Amino acid sequence: MSIPPRQVRASYTAETITVYQAYPAEIAGPAVAAGRFVPPFKRDRMTWIKPSFRWMMYRCGWARKPGQERVLAVEISRAGFEWALAHACLSAYEPGAYADRESWARRLRSSPVRVQWDPERTVRAHPLPHRSLQVGLSGEAVRRYVDDWLVGIGDVTATAHAIRARLDAGDDASAEALLPAERPYPLPGAVAGAVAAHPG
């Protein structure tokens, strides 16, 4: 069965969903120790969360890029995740997603959440024909993320390094076996519409 071009895929339970972020040690360490985001994490900056582990690995270079040496698996409530998407605006204007460019611009100015769909990646970082969702939180959305939605924070840097080591050894099958299990996330219809996700 083919994957719809825009489909949210994630690890999730009946109540929570796991998203990923990469940080330097000085931010990730205190967050993991406290079980929540604490200074020097800055609430006044946009923070991007990613449901796709592979896309996070593409972005952070398997936890090897400067400033992204620690990868966090952040478990948040599904209610919070869906609130973010329902209040989101696409980062770029798309005909059909909004009545017109002016309508999109108004929503962009007022929305605390940005979303964009980028090509999903293989473990070798090759682009796939379907897309992966990136969610940028700012303002009220960051406050809710940190104070209301957060359930737990885990450090999965060791998993990233282990997978990369198997790739370096040419053992792609073993590397893929270590990936977190992800499946299509059942977005409510109105939420899917807000982020221009495809059904299926």
Protein backbone atom coordinates (compact mmCIF):
# COMPACT_ATOMS: atom_id res chain seq x y z
CA MET A 1 0.00 0.00 0.00
CA SER A 2 1.41 3.38 -0.97
CA ILE A 3 1.95 6.07 1.67
CA PRO A 4 -0.08 9.27 1.18
CA PRO A 5 2.12 12.26 0.23
CA ARG A 6 1.34 14.03 3.51
CA GLN A 7 0.79 11.68 6.41
CA VAL A 8 1.81 12.02 10.04
CA ARG A 9 3.68 8.89 11.18
CA ALA A 10 4.81 8.58 14.78
CA SER A 11 5.25 6.43 17.85
CA TYR A 12 2.17 6.92 20.00
CA THR A 13 -0.10 5.40 22.62
CA ALA A 14 -3.77 5.97 23.40
CA GLU A 15 -2.87 9.17 25.27
CA THR A 16 0.57 10.33 24.11
CA ILE A 17 2.77 10.85 21.07
CA THR A 18 6.57 10.94 20.89
CA VAL A 19 8.31 13.81 19.11
CA TYR A 20 12.02 14.44 18.70
CA GLN A 21 14.33 17.38 19.25
CA ALA A 22 18.11 17.76 19.13
CA TYR A 23 20.03 20.09 21.44
CA PRO A 24 23.53 20.78 22.72
CA ALA A 25 24.43 19.06 25.98
CA GLU A 26 23.98 22.21 28.04
CA ILE A 27 20.25 22.25 27.21
CA ALA A 28 19.58 18.52 26.90
CA GLY A 29 21.37 17.50 30.11
CA PRO A 30 19.35 19.67 32.52
CA ALA A 31 16.12 18.80 30.68
CA VAL A 32 16.67 15.05 31.01
CA ALA A 33 17.75 15.41 34.65
CA ALA A 34 14.69 17.50 35.54
CA GLY A 35 12.24 15.60 33.38
CA ARG A 36 11.11 18.91 31.88
CA PHE A 37 12.57 21.83 29.97
CA VAL A 38 14.47 24.19 32.26
CA PRO A 39 17.00 27.00 31.61
CA PRO A 40 19.06 27.43 29.53
CA PHE A 41 16.12 26.27 27.37
CA LYS A 42 14.50 29.49 26.12
CA ARG A 43 10.75 29.79 25.98
CA ASP A 44 10.88 32.93 23.83
CA ARG A 45 12.38 31.12 20.83
CA MET A 46 10.56 28.97 18.30
CA THR A 47 11.15 25.29 19.01
CA TRP A 48 10.67 22.64 16.32
CA ILE A 49 9.35 19.18 17.09
CA LYS A 50 9.44 16.22 14.71
CA PRO A 51 7.35 13.04 14.94
CA SER A 52 9.67 11.22 12.51
CA PHE A 53 12.84 9.76 14.03
CA ARG A 54 14.44 9.35 10.60
CA TRP A 55 13.83 12.98 9.70
CA MET A 56 15.30 14.02 13.04
CA MET A 57 18.37 11.94 12.23
CA TYR A 58 18.64 13.59 8.82
CA ARG A 59 18.42 17.01 10.45
CA CYS A 60 20.97 16.38 13.21
CA GLY A 61 23.32 14.09 11.29
CA TRP A 62 22.81 11.19 13.70
CA ALA A 63 23.59 13.49 16.63
CA ARG A 64 26.88 14.62 15.13
CA LYS A 65 26.09 18.17 14.01
CA PRO A 66 27.36 20.99 16.26
CA GLY A 67 24.68 22.10 18.68
CA GLN A 68 22.61 18.95 18.04
CA GLU A 69 24.72 16.35 19.82
CA ARG A 70 21.93 15.10 22.09
CA VAL A 71 18.65 13.77 20.73
CA LEU A 72 15.62 13.83 23.00
CA ALA A 73 12.47 11.75 22.67
CA VAL A 74 9.77 13.96 24.14
CA GLU A 75 6.47 12.34 25.07
CA ILE A 76 3.57 14.77 24.98
CA SER A 77 -0.19 14.44 25.18
CA ARG A 78 -2.05 13.70 21.99
CA ALA A 79 -4.52 16.43 22.97
CA GLY A 80 -1.67 18.93 23.05
CA PHE A 81 -0.23 17.76 19.75
CA GLU A 82 -3.60 18.04 18.08
CA TRP A 83 -4.16 21.50 19.62
CA ALA A 84 -0.87 22.60 18.03
CA LEU A 85 -1.88 21.36 14.59
CA ALA A 86 -5.39 22.80 14.86
CA HIS A 87 -3.85 26.22 15.60
CA ALA A 88 -1.11 25.95 12.98
CA CYS A 89 -0.40 27.75 9.75
CA LEU A 90 1.61 26.39 6.84
CA SER A 91 5.00 28.09 6.61
CA ALA A 92 4.43 28.88 2.93
CA TYR A 93 1.28 29.78 1.03
CA GLU A 94 -0.40 26.98 -0.89
CA PRO A 95 -3.34 27.56 -3.22
CA GLY A 96 -6.27 25.46 -2.08
CA ALA A 97 -5.15 25.28 1.53
CA TYR A 98 -6.38 28.84 2.15
CA ALA A 99 -8.98 31.02 0.46
CA ASP A 100 -6.26 33.30 -0.87
CA ARG A 101 -2.79 34.58 -0.07
CA GLU A 102 -4.18 37.33 2.17
CA SER A 103 -6.08 34.80 4.28
CA TRP A 104 -2.90 32.77 4.68
CA ALA A 105 -0.92 35.88 5.66
CA ARG A 106 -3.47 36.78 8.34
CA ARG A 107 -3.34 33.30 9.83
CA LEU A 108 0.46 33.30 9.67
CA ARG A 109 0.58 36.51 11.73
CA SER A 110 -1.81 35.23 14.38
CA SER A 111 -0.85 31.57 14.68
CA PRO A 112 1.58 30.40 17.40
CA VAL A 113 2.43 27.29 15.34
CA ARG A 114 4.12 26.80 11.96
CA VAL A 115 4.04 23.56 10.05
CA GLN A 116 5.89 22.39 6.98
CA TRP A 117 6.06 19.14 5.06
CA ASP A 118 9.55 18.04 4.04
CA PRO A 119 10.57 14.91 2.12
CA GLU A 120 10.85 11.93 4.44
CA ARG A 121 14.28 10.28 4.43
CA THR A 122 15.68 6.79 4.29
CA VAL A 123 18.31 5.79 6.84
CA ARG A 124 20.82 6.78 4.17
CA ALA A 125 19.23 10.27 4.06
CA HIS A 126 17.84 9.81 0.56
CA PRO A 127 14.55 11.67 -0.01
CA LEU A 128 11.36 9.63 -0.28
CA PRO A 129 8.26 10.57 -2.33
CA HIS A 130 6.13 11.10 0.78
CA ARG A 131 6.56 13.90 3.30
CA SER A 132 7.27 14.26 6.99
CA LEU A 133 5.68 16.85 9.28
CA GLN A 134 7.74 19.47 11.12
CA VAL A 135 6.00 21.57 13.78
CA GLY A 136 7.37 24.91 14.97
CA LEU A 137 6.05 26.16 18.32
CA SER A 138 6.21 29.75 19.50
CA GLY A 139 4.55 31.98 22.09
CA GLU A 140 1.54 30.34 23.70
CA ALA A 141 2.33 27.01 22.02
CA VAL A 142 5.78 26.82 23.67
CA ARG A 143 4.25 27.59 27.06
CA ARG A 144 1.66 24.85 26.62
CA TYR A 145 4.32 22.42 25.34
CA VAL A 146 6.56 22.95 28.35
CA ASP A 147 3.95 23.35 31.09
CA ASP A 148 0.88 21.40 29.98
CA TRP A 149 1.59 18.80 27.30
CA LEU A 150 4.87 17.32 28.47
CA VAL A 151 4.69 13.79 29.89
CA GLY A 152 8.34 12.74 29.82
CA ILE A 153 11.77 13.29 28.26
CA GLY A 154 14.17 10.52 27.25
CA ASP A 155 17.65 10.68 25.76
CA VAL A 156 17.93 8.55 22.60
CA THR A 157 21.39 9.73 21.56
CA ALA A 158 22.84 6.27 22.15
CA THR A 159 20.26 4.79 19.77
CA ALA A 160 21.21 7.34 17.11
CA HIS A 161 24.90 6.46 17.49
CA ALA A 162 24.19 2.72 17.42
CA ILE A 163 22.20 2.99 14.20
CA ARG A 164 24.88 5.15 12.59
CA ALA A 165 27.56 2.64 13.58
CA ARG A 166 25.67 -0.13 11.80
CA LEU A 167 25.23 2.07 8.73
CA ASP A 168 28.96 2.81 8.74
CA ALA A 169 29.54 -0.95 8.83
CA GLY A 170 27.26 -1.39 5.82
CA ASP A 171 24.61 -3.27 7.76
CA ASP A 172 21.47 -1.38 6.74
CA ALA A 173 19.08 -4.14 7.82
CA SER A 174 20.48 -4.17 11.34
CA ALA A 175 20.37 -0.38 11.45
CA GLU A 176 16.73 -0.25 10.39
CA ALA A 177 15.83 -2.85 13.02
CA LEU A 178 16.86 -0.35 15.71
CA LEU A 179 14.53 2.40 14.46
CA PRO A 180 11.62 3.28 16.74
CA ALA A 181 8.36 1.78 15.48
CA GLU A 182 6.19 4.44 13.82
CA ARG A 183 2.71 4.11 12.32
CA PRO A 184 0.16 6.43 10.74
CA TYR A 185 -1.28 8.84 13.29
CA PRO A 186 -5.10 9.17 13.17
CA LEU A 187 -5.60 12.91 12.80
CA PRO A 188 -9.15 14.19 13.33
CA GLY A 189 -10.57 15.53 10.07
CA ALA A 190 -10.53 19.19 11.07
CA VAL A 191 -6.95 18.93 12.33
CA ALA A 192 -5.82 17.21 9.12
CA GLY A 193 -7.42 20.00 7.15
CA ALA A 194 -5.63 22.67 9.16
CA VAL A 195 -2.22 21.29 8.15
CA ALA A 196 -3.18 20.11 4.64
CA ALA A 197 -2.58 16.45 5.49
CA HIS A 198 -3.84 13.78 3.12
CA PRO A 199 -6.34 11.12 4.25
CA GLY A 200 -5.44 7.45 4.23
